[in-house]
Amino acid sequence: MINDFSPVLTAIGPDLDKCTASALVVGIASGDDGPVLLPSPLPDAGARALADSLEALGVTGAADEVLRIPGLDPLPFPSWC
């Protein structure tokens, strides 16, 4: 079966309310003390919650690593990648 689905990536600014995506992709790097959340449009509380949970989620920040997790309230995305 051939799938004609072509994902579309869009860069957005800090106003997440204007985004109608089904997932939000955030960057994670591998730091000296573990994974590090890179700058993102997440609100401060959401960024802190995600950053504090990276190791518990098994995130390493390795190249090409992809992990899908449920979104956090009140963000308008059902999941993060």
C-alpha atoms as a PDB file:
ATOM      1  CA  MET A   1       0.000   0.000   0.000  1.00  0.00           C
ATOM      2  CA  ILE A   2       1.317   3.424  -0.931  1.00  0.00           C
ATOM      3  CA  ASN A   3       0.651   6.264   1.444  1.00  0.00           C
ATOM      4  CA  ASP A   4       0.463   9.717  -0.156  1.00  0.00           C
ATOM      5  CA  PHE A   5       0.618  11.519   3.193  1.00  0.00           C
ATOM      6  CA  SER A   6       3.153  14.352   3.136  1.00  0.00           C
ATOM      7  CA  PRO A   7       3.756  15.964   6.524  1.00  0.00           C
ATOM      8  CA  VAL A   8       4.101  19.723   6.635  1.00  0.00           C
ATOM      9  CA  LEU A   9       6.448  21.449   9.074  1.00  0.00           C
ATOM     10  CA  THR A  10       5.805  25.061   9.982  1.00  0.00           C
ATOM     11  CA  ALA A  11       7.958  27.300  12.135  1.00  0.00           C
ATOM     12  CA  ILE A  12       5.909  29.334  14.607  1.00  0.00           C
ATOM     13  CA  GLY A  13       6.636  32.200  16.924  1.00  0.00           C
ATOM     14  CA  PRO A  14       5.813  32.444  20.604  1.00  0.00           C
ATOM     15  CA  ASP A  15       2.029  32.719  20.052  1.00  0.00           C
ATOM     16  CA  LEU A  16       0.879  29.081  20.239  1.00  0.00           C
ATOM     17  CA  ASP A  17      -2.798  30.094  20.213  1.00  0.00           C
ATOM     18  CA  LYS A  18      -2.566  30.754  16.468  1.00  0.00           C
ATOM     19  CA  CYS A  19      -1.239  27.274  15.679  1.00  0.00           C
ATOM     20  CA  THR A  20      -3.649  24.519  14.594  1.00  0.00           C
ATOM     21  CA  ALA A  21      -1.175  21.625  14.555  1.00  0.00           C
ATOM     22  CA  SER A  22      -1.803  18.149  15.917  1.00  0.00           C
ATOM     23  CA  ALA A  23       1.694  17.951  17.433  1.00  0.00           C
ATOM     24  CA  LEU A  24       4.419  20.296  18.621  1.00  0.00           C
ATOM     25  CA  VAL A  25       8.039  19.375  17.906  1.00  0.00           C
ATOM     26  CA  VAL A  26      10.561  20.616  20.476  1.00  0.00           C
ATOM     27  CA  GLY A  27      14.331  20.307  20.384  1.00  0.00           C
ATOM     28  CA  ILE A  28      16.286  18.457  23.042  1.00  0.00           C
ATOM     29  CA  ALA A  29      20.088  18.403  23.242  1.00  0.00           C
ATOM     30  CA  SER A  30      22.413  16.096  25.098  1.00  0.00           C
ATOM     31  CA  GLY A  31      24.192  18.115  27.785  1.00  0.00           C
ATOM     32  CA  ASP A  32      26.937  17.231  30.268  1.00  0.00           C
ATOM     33  CA  ASP A  33      24.329  16.572  32.984  1.00  0.00           C
ATOM     34  CA  GLY A  34      21.705  14.918  30.788  1.00  0.00           C
ATOM     35  CA  PRO A  35      19.090  16.071  28.288  1.00  0.00           C
ATOM     36  CA  VAL A  36      18.473  19.811  27.866  1.00  0.00           C
ATOM     37  CA  LEU A  37      15.321  21.432  26.475  1.00  0.00           C
ATOM     38  CA  LEU A  38      16.283  23.901  23.743  1.00  0.00           C
ATOM     39  CA  PRO A  39      14.524  27.269  23.421  1.00  0.00           C
ATOM     40  CA  SER A  40      10.904  26.762  22.369  1.00  0.00           C
ATOM     41  CA  PRO A  41       7.590  28.640  22.264  1.00  0.00           C
ATOM     42  CA  LEU A  42       6.329  26.724  25.312  1.00  0.00           C
ATOM     43  CA  PRO A  43       5.044  28.824  28.213  1.00  0.00           C
ATOM     44  CA  ASP A  44       7.470  28.932  31.162  1.00  0.00           C
ATOM     45  CA  ALA A  45       5.479  26.478  33.293  1.00  0.00           C
ATOM     46  CA  GLY A  46       5.159  23.976  30.431  1.00  0.00           C
ATOM     47  CA  ALA A  47       8.846  24.271  29.546  1.00  0.00           C
ATOM     48  CA  ARG A  48       9.865  23.699  33.183  1.00  0.00           C
ATOM     49  CA  ALA A  49       7.526  20.704  33.514  1.00  0.00           C
ATOM     50  CA  LEU A  50       8.888  19.140  30.338  1.00  0.00           C
ATOM     51  CA  ALA A  51      12.536  19.902  31.174  1.00  0.00           C
ATOM     52  CA  ASP A  52      12.133  18.423  34.660  1.00  0.00           C
ATOM     53  CA  SER A  53      10.625  15.245  33.173  1.00  0.00           C
ATOM     54  CA  LEU A  54      13.088  14.510  30.353  1.00  0.00           C
ATOM     55  CA  GLU A  55      15.181  11.909  32.172  1.00  0.00           C
ATOM     56  CA  ALA A  56      12.120  10.196  33.673  1.00  0.00           C
ATOM     57  CA  LEU A  57      10.669   9.935  30.153  1.00  0.00           C
ATOM     58  CA  GLY A  58      13.870   8.288  28.912  1.00  0.00           C
ATOM     59  CA  VAL A  59      14.870  11.211  26.692  1.00  0.00           C
ATOM     60  CA  THR A  60      18.617  11.413  26.041  1.00  0.00           C
ATOM     61  CA  GLY A  61      18.866  14.217  23.474  1.00  0.00           C
ATOM     62  CA  ALA A  62      20.732  11.919  21.087  1.00  0.00           C
ATOM     63  CA  ALA A  63      20.756  12.767  17.381  1.00  0.00           C
ATOM     64  CA  ASP A  64      17.650  11.559  15.511  1.00  0.00           C
ATOM     65  CA  GLU A  65      15.857  10.565  18.742  1.00  0.00           C
ATOM     66  CA  VAL A  66      12.078  10.913  18.506  1.00  0.00           C
ATOM     67  CA  LEU A  67       9.687  10.426  21.392  1.00  0.00           C
ATOM     68  CA  ARG A  68       5.983  11.172  21.334  1.00  0.00           C
ATOM     69  CA  ILE A  69       4.375  12.162  24.611  1.00  0.00           C
ATOM     70  CA  PRO A  70       0.882  13.437  25.500  1.00  0.00           C
ATOM     71  CA  GLY A  71       0.413  17.190  25.482  1.00  0.00           C
ATOM     72  CA  LEU A  72       0.163  19.276  28.630  1.00  0.00           C
ATOM     73  CA  ASP A  73      -2.727  21.530  29.585  1.00  0.00           C
ATOM     74  CA  PRO A  74      -3.456  24.213  28.520  1.00  0.00           C
ATOM     75  CA  LEU A  75      -1.531  23.810  25.253  1.00  0.00           C
ATOM     76  CA  PRO A  76      -3.688  23.209  22.164  1.00  0.00           C
ATOM     77  CA  PHE A  77      -1.734  20.118  21.006  1.00  0.00           C
ATOM     78  CA  PRO A  78      -2.729  16.506  21.673  1.00  0.00           C
ATOM     79  CA  SER A  79       0.932  15.429  21.695  1.00  0.00           C
ATOM     80  CA  TRP A  80       4.541  16.589  21.536  1.00  0.00           C
ATOM     81  CA  CYS A  81       7.218  14.992  19.398  1.00  0.00           C
END
